[in-house]
Protein backbone atom coordinates (compact mmCIF):
# COMPACT_ATOMS: atom_id res chain seq x y z
CA MET A 1 -19.27 -12.89 -1.73
CA LEU A 2 -20.59 -9.28 -2.67
CA ILE A 3 -17.49 -6.69 -2.20
CA ALA A 4 -18.07 -3.35 -1.08
CA LEU A 5 -14.89 -1.17 -2.83
CA LEU A 6 -14.94 2.40 -1.47
CA THR A 7 -11.78 4.61 -2.53
CA ASP A 8 -11.02 8.35 -2.11
CA ILE A 9 -13.70 9.58 0.41
CA HIS A 10 -11.67 12.76 1.57
CA GLY A 11 -13.16 13.48 4.54
CA ASN A 12 -16.86 13.71 3.34
CA ARG A 13 -18.81 12.21 6.07
CA GLU A 14 -22.09 12.76 3.82
CA ALA A 15 -21.08 10.92 0.84
CA PHE A 16 -19.33 8.24 2.94
CA ASP A 17 -22.12 7.81 5.00
CA ALA A 18 -24.33 7.68 2.09
CA CYS A 19 -22.24 5.18 0.07
CA ARG A 20 -22.01 2.64 2.98
CA LEU A 21 -25.53 2.49 3.98
CA GLU A 22 -26.24 1.95 0.56
CA ALA A 23 -23.60 -0.91 0.20
CA ARG A 24 -24.75 -2.46 3.25
CA ARG A 25 -28.76 -2.19 2.03
CA LEU A 26 -27.54 -3.87 -1.24
CA GLY A 27 -26.12 -6.79 0.50
CA ALA A 28 -22.14 -6.07 0.71
CA GLU A 29 -20.66 -8.58 3.10
CA GLN A 30 -17.13 -7.16 3.16
CA PHE A 31 -15.64 -3.93 2.60
CA VAL A 32 -12.43 -2.59 0.93
CA TYR A 33 -11.00 0.72 1.33
CA LEU A 34 -8.56 1.63 -1.61
CA GLY A 35 -7.54 4.87 -0.15
CA ASP A 36 -7.39 8.36 0.70
CA LEU A 37 -9.89 8.33 3.63
CA VAL A 38 -8.56 12.05 4.45
CA GLY A 39 -8.11 15.48 2.58
CA TYR A 40 -9.91 17.87 1.09
CA GLY A 41 -13.20 17.34 3.41
CA ALA A 42 -14.26 18.36 6.51
CA ASP A 43 -14.66 14.91 8.63
CA PRO A 44 -11.17 13.19 8.37
CA GLY A 45 -11.81 12.03 11.94
CA TYR A 46 -15.12 10.77 11.78
CA ILE A 47 -13.91 8.94 8.15
CA VAL A 48 -10.85 7.49 10.27
CA ASP A 49 -12.99 6.32 13.00
CA CYS A 50 -15.68 4.49 11.03
CA VAL A 51 -13.11 2.82 8.78
CA ALA A 52 -11.06 1.94 11.92
CA GLU A 53 -14.30 0.01 13.25
CA ASP A 54 -14.63 -2.10 10.02
CA VAL A 55 -11.31 -3.15 9.85
CA ALA A 56 -11.45 -4.65 13.14
CA ARG A 57 -14.46 -6.37 11.77
CA GLY A 58 -12.32 -7.71 8.54
CA ALA A 59 -12.48 -4.94 6.53
CA VAL A 60 -9.28 -3.91 4.23
CA SER A 61 -8.12 -0.41 4.50
CA LEU A 62 -5.23 0.72 2.03
CA MET A 63 -2.89 3.56 2.34
CA GLY A 64 -3.54 6.64 -0.40
CA ASN A 65 -1.20 9.72 -0.97
CA HIS A 66 -3.34 11.70 0.88
CA ASP A 67 -3.56 9.12 4.10
CA LEU A 68 0.55 9.23 3.59
CA ALA A 69 0.93 13.31 3.50
CA ALA A 70 -1.71 13.69 6.66
CA VAL A 71 1.18 11.32 8.48
CA GLN A 72 4.35 12.80 7.05
CA GLY A 73 3.75 15.77 5.47
CA PRO A 74 2.43 17.27 2.29
CA SER A 75 3.99 16.01 -0.91
CA GLU A 76 5.80 18.32 -2.92
CA TYR A 77 3.57 17.62 -5.88
CA MET A 78 0.14 18.57 -4.25
CA ASN A 79 -1.34 21.75 -5.11
CA GLU A 80 -2.29 24.48 -3.53
CA ALA A 81 -5.51 23.79 -2.31
CA ALA A 82 -4.31 20.09 -1.37
CA ARG A 83 -1.65 21.23 0.49
CA ALA A 84 -3.91 23.65 2.58
CA ALA A 85 -6.30 20.62 3.39
CA ILE A 86 -3.66 18.30 4.40
CA GLU A 87 -2.41 21.18 6.71
CA TRP A 88 -5.84 21.27 8.10
CA THR A 89 -6.48 17.61 8.12
CA ALA A 90 -3.03 17.06 10.29
CA ARG A 91 -4.02 19.20 13.00
CA ARG A 92 -7.27 17.65 13.68
CA LEU A 93 -6.41 13.91 13.89
CA ASP A 94 -5.57 12.50 17.21
CA LYS A 95 -2.52 10.10 17.83
CA ALA A 96 -4.90 6.93 17.41
CA GLN A 97 -5.70 8.42 13.88
CA ARG A 98 -2.56 9.33 12.73
CA ASP A 99 -1.17 5.62 13.81
CA PHE A 100 -4.28 4.03 12.03
CA LEU A 101 -3.32 5.57 8.82
CA ALA A 102 0.37 5.36 9.07
CA ALA A 103 -0.10 1.55 9.62
CA MET A 104 -2.48 1.09 6.41
CA PRO A 105 -0.61 -1.52 3.99
CA LEU A 106 -0.09 0.21 0.42
CA THR A 107 -1.74 -3.08 -1.41
CA ALA A 108 -3.70 -6.15 -0.66
CA VAL A 109 -4.32 -9.48 -2.13
CA ALA A 110 -6.91 -11.77 -2.17
CA SER A 111 -8.85 -14.79 -3.78
CA GLY A 112 -11.88 -14.89 -5.11
CA GLU A 113 -15.02 -17.93 -4.66
CA GLY A 114 -13.41 -19.65 -7.71
CA GLY A 115 -9.70 -18.95 -6.59
CA GLU A 116 -8.97 -16.14 -8.79
CA LYS A 117 -6.22 -13.48 -7.88
CA ILE A 118 -7.82 -10.34 -6.62
CA PHE A 119 -5.07 -7.39 -6.00
CA TYR A 120 -6.36 -3.70 -4.46
CA VAL A 121 -4.00 -0.79 -4.84
CA HIS A 122 -4.67 2.76 -4.58
CA GLY A 123 -2.95 3.96 -7.63
CA ASP A 124 -0.98 2.16 -10.58
CA ALA A 125 -0.02 -1.52 -9.50
CA SER A 126 3.74 -1.55 -10.95
CA ALA A 127 4.66 1.09 -8.45
CA PRO A 128 2.01 1.10 -5.55
CA ASP A 129 4.27 3.66 -3.53
CA ARG A 130 4.79 6.43 -6.37
CA PHE A 131 0.78 6.75 -6.33
CA ILE A 132 0.67 6.89 -10.20
CA TYR A 133 -2.63 7.93 -11.99
CA VAL A 134 -4.23 4.76 -14.12
CA THR A 135 -5.66 7.32 -17.25
CA GLY A 136 -5.12 5.42 -20.52
CA ILE A 137 -4.39 2.00 -21.88
CA GLU A 138 -0.64 2.60 -20.84
CA THR A 139 -0.89 2.69 -17.90
CA ALA A 140 -3.78 0.11 -17.30
CA GLU A 141 -1.16 -2.40 -19.14
CA ARG A 142 1.23 -1.57 -17.34
CA SER A 143 -0.53 -2.30 -14.01
CA LEU A 144 -1.98 -5.06 -15.32
CA ASP A 145 1.41 -6.66 -16.20
CA ALA A 146 2.80 -5.75 -12.64
CA VAL A 147 0.70 -8.73 -10.77
CA GLY A 148 -1.15 -10.56 -13.14
CA ALA A 149 -4.28 -10.71 -11.36
CA HIS A 150 -7.80 -11.55 -13.15
CA ALA A 151 -9.16 -8.63 -11.40
CA THR A 152 -7.24 -5.33 -10.45
CA PHE A 153 -8.89 -2.61 -8.17
CA CYS A 154 -7.60 0.87 -7.71
CA GLY A 155 -8.90 4.30 -7.25
CA HIS A 156 -6.92 7.91 -7.12
CA VAL A 157 -8.07 9.08 -10.88
CA HIS A 158 -11.71 10.12 -9.18
CA ARG A 159 -13.41 8.81 -12.56
CA PRO A 160 -14.67 5.54 -12.95
CA GLN A 161 -13.03 3.43 -15.66
CA LEU A 162 -12.70 -0.26 -16.47
CA TYR A 163 -10.27 -2.06 -19.00
CA HIS A 164 -9.65 -5.79 -19.93
CA GLN A 165 -7.12 -8.00 -21.84
CA ALA A 166 -7.48 -11.05 -23.48
CA PRO A 167 -4.56 -13.29 -23.81
CA GLY A 168 -2.12 -12.35 -26.39
CA LYS A 169 -3.82 -8.88 -26.76
CA PRO A 170 -3.49 -5.11 -25.73
CA PRO A 171 -5.62 -4.26 -23.09
CA ALA A 172 -8.94 -2.45 -24.33
CA PHE A 173 -11.16 0.25 -22.47
CA PHE A 174 -14.73 -0.27 -21.58
CA ALA A 175 -16.86 2.41 -20.10
CA PRO A 176 -19.09 1.24 -17.37
CA THR A 177 -22.80 2.16 -17.17
CA ALA A 178 -23.67 3.36 -13.50
CA ASN A 179 -25.71 0.79 -11.53
CA LEU A 180 -25.52 -1.86 -13.71
CA PRO A 181 -23.48 -4.99 -13.19
CA THR A 182 -20.76 -5.91 -15.90
CA PRO A 183 -19.52 -9.43 -16.04
CA LEU A 184 -15.78 -10.01 -15.68
CA ALA A 185 -15.06 -12.71 -17.95
CA ARG A 186 -12.97 -15.00 -15.97
CA SER A 187 -10.75 -15.51 -19.75
CA ARG A 188 -9.90 -11.88 -19.45
CA ARG A 189 -7.97 -9.93 -16.82
CA TRP A 190 -9.48 -6.96 -15.46
CA LEU A 191 -8.54 -3.59 -13.92
CA ALA A 192 -11.06 -1.14 -12.67
CA VAL A 193 -10.65 2.15 -11.68
CA LEU A 194 -13.20 3.13 -8.88
CA GLY A 195 -15.03 6.77 -8.99
CA SER A 196 -14.54 8.90 -6.02
CA VAL A 197 -16.95 8.34 -2.93
CA GLY A 198 -16.29 11.89 -1.82
CA GLN A 199 -15.24 14.18 -4.74
CA PRO A 200 -16.26 12.79 -8.03
CA ARG A 201 -14.62 14.19 -10.99
CA ASP A 202 -16.22 13.05 -13.80
CA GLY A 203 -18.60 15.49 -14.37
CA ASN A 204 -21.40 13.55 -12.32
CA PRO A 205 -21.71 14.90 -8.54
CA LEU A 206 -23.38 11.30 -7.18
CA ALA A 207 -20.89 9.70 -4.97
CA ALA A 208 -19.23 6.72 -6.48
CA PHE A 209 -18.22 3.02 -5.40
CA ALA A 210 -18.63 -0.69 -6.63
CA LEU A 211 -20.03 -3.60 -5.71
CA TYR A 212 -17.96 -6.69 -7.02
CA ASP A 213 -19.45 -10.18 -6.68
CA ASP A 214 -16.83 -12.64 -7.07
CA LEU A 215 -18.73 -15.33 -7.00
CA ARG A 216 -20.95 -14.48 -10.05
CA GLY A 217 -17.62 -12.28 -11.40
CA THR A 218 -19.50 -8.94 -11.87
CA LEU A 219 -18.62 -5.59 -10.89
CA ASN A 220 -21.26 -2.71 -10.58
CA PHE A 221 -20.40 0.82 -10.53
CA ILE A 222 -22.94 2.42 -8.09
CA ARG A 223 -23.73 6.02 -7.90
CA VAL A 224 -25.57 7.53 -4.55
CA ALA A 225 -27.28 10.91 -3.95
CA TYR A 226 -26.00 12.46 -0.99
CA ASP A 227 -26.30 15.51 0.81
CA VAL A 228 -23.78 17.82 -0.84
CA ASP A 229 -25.08 21.27 0.91
CA ALA A 230 -24.01 19.87 4.13
CA ALA A 231 -20.55 18.63 3.13
CA ALA A 232 -19.96 22.30 1.68
CA ARG A 233 -21.09 24.05 3.89
CA LYS A 234 -18.86 22.57 6.56
CA ILE A 235 -15.88 23.21 4.35
CA PHE A 236 -16.74 26.64 4.23
CA ALA A 237 -17.31 26.86 7.70
CA ALA A 238 -14.01 25.13 8.36
CA GLY A 239 -12.15 27.72 6.40
CA LEU A 240 -10.65 25.36 3.80
CA PRO A 241 -10.21 26.54 0.26
CA GLU A 242 -13.79 27.23 -1.06
CA PHE A 243 -12.97 25.54 -4.30
CA LEU A 244 -13.20 22.34 -2.58
CA ALA A 245 -16.63 23.05 -1.65
CA GLU A 246 -17.84 24.37 -5.05
CA ARG A 247 -16.31 21.33 -7.08
CA LEU A 248 -18.58 18.99 -5.10
CA PHE A 249 -21.80 20.52 -6.94
CA LEU A 250 -20.07 20.06 -10.37
CA GLY A 251 -18.55 16.78 -10.03
CA TRP A 252 -15.42 17.78 -11.17
């Protein structure tokens, strides 16, 4: 099965539509959303409604820290721009949309075509409710050890990363090449940190998602062009912090 993995959409309709369309064009049979549907961008309701429709058709959608903040209030750890965006977002979600966000689970587990365990989470798998960033070998190892899955997929960091661990050895970092499938050897465990759909932060402004082929055992980090101008104009028009629009052009 070809699984489309999307995370950190952050209310960016233009990036979301571009990624979802490209995933379908490439043959995605299943969609998994790894959290942060809302926050930062100007189209939170649209994103929630579209994802809810996908979930009704069998997709998986997990809770991210911005989704939780939209229904429970901003976290004390949020910076000023994130807090302003969440407060703006919360006022624009209707009850059904808030209820959908509130009901999303923190994790999900699946079995691949070969029977291998697949684990989905927004941040570090060792503490899904704490939304810890996976940014290096130490946090990657903790996440891998927590679930013991063949493949663990997360987001939250907004920068594509890939870690692998052979039996009896510490994890190692592997730099994935965009739009080139990477074989995930079944003799190792893997942790993929996916790039952001709606607010990339790796210096590349192209929207990011990934395709996992659980039959062939390959992972493809995809980058997609979208109408950044339109997404930015909406942020300006909404009165959201201008920085949230400006950074879309930089991918940072």
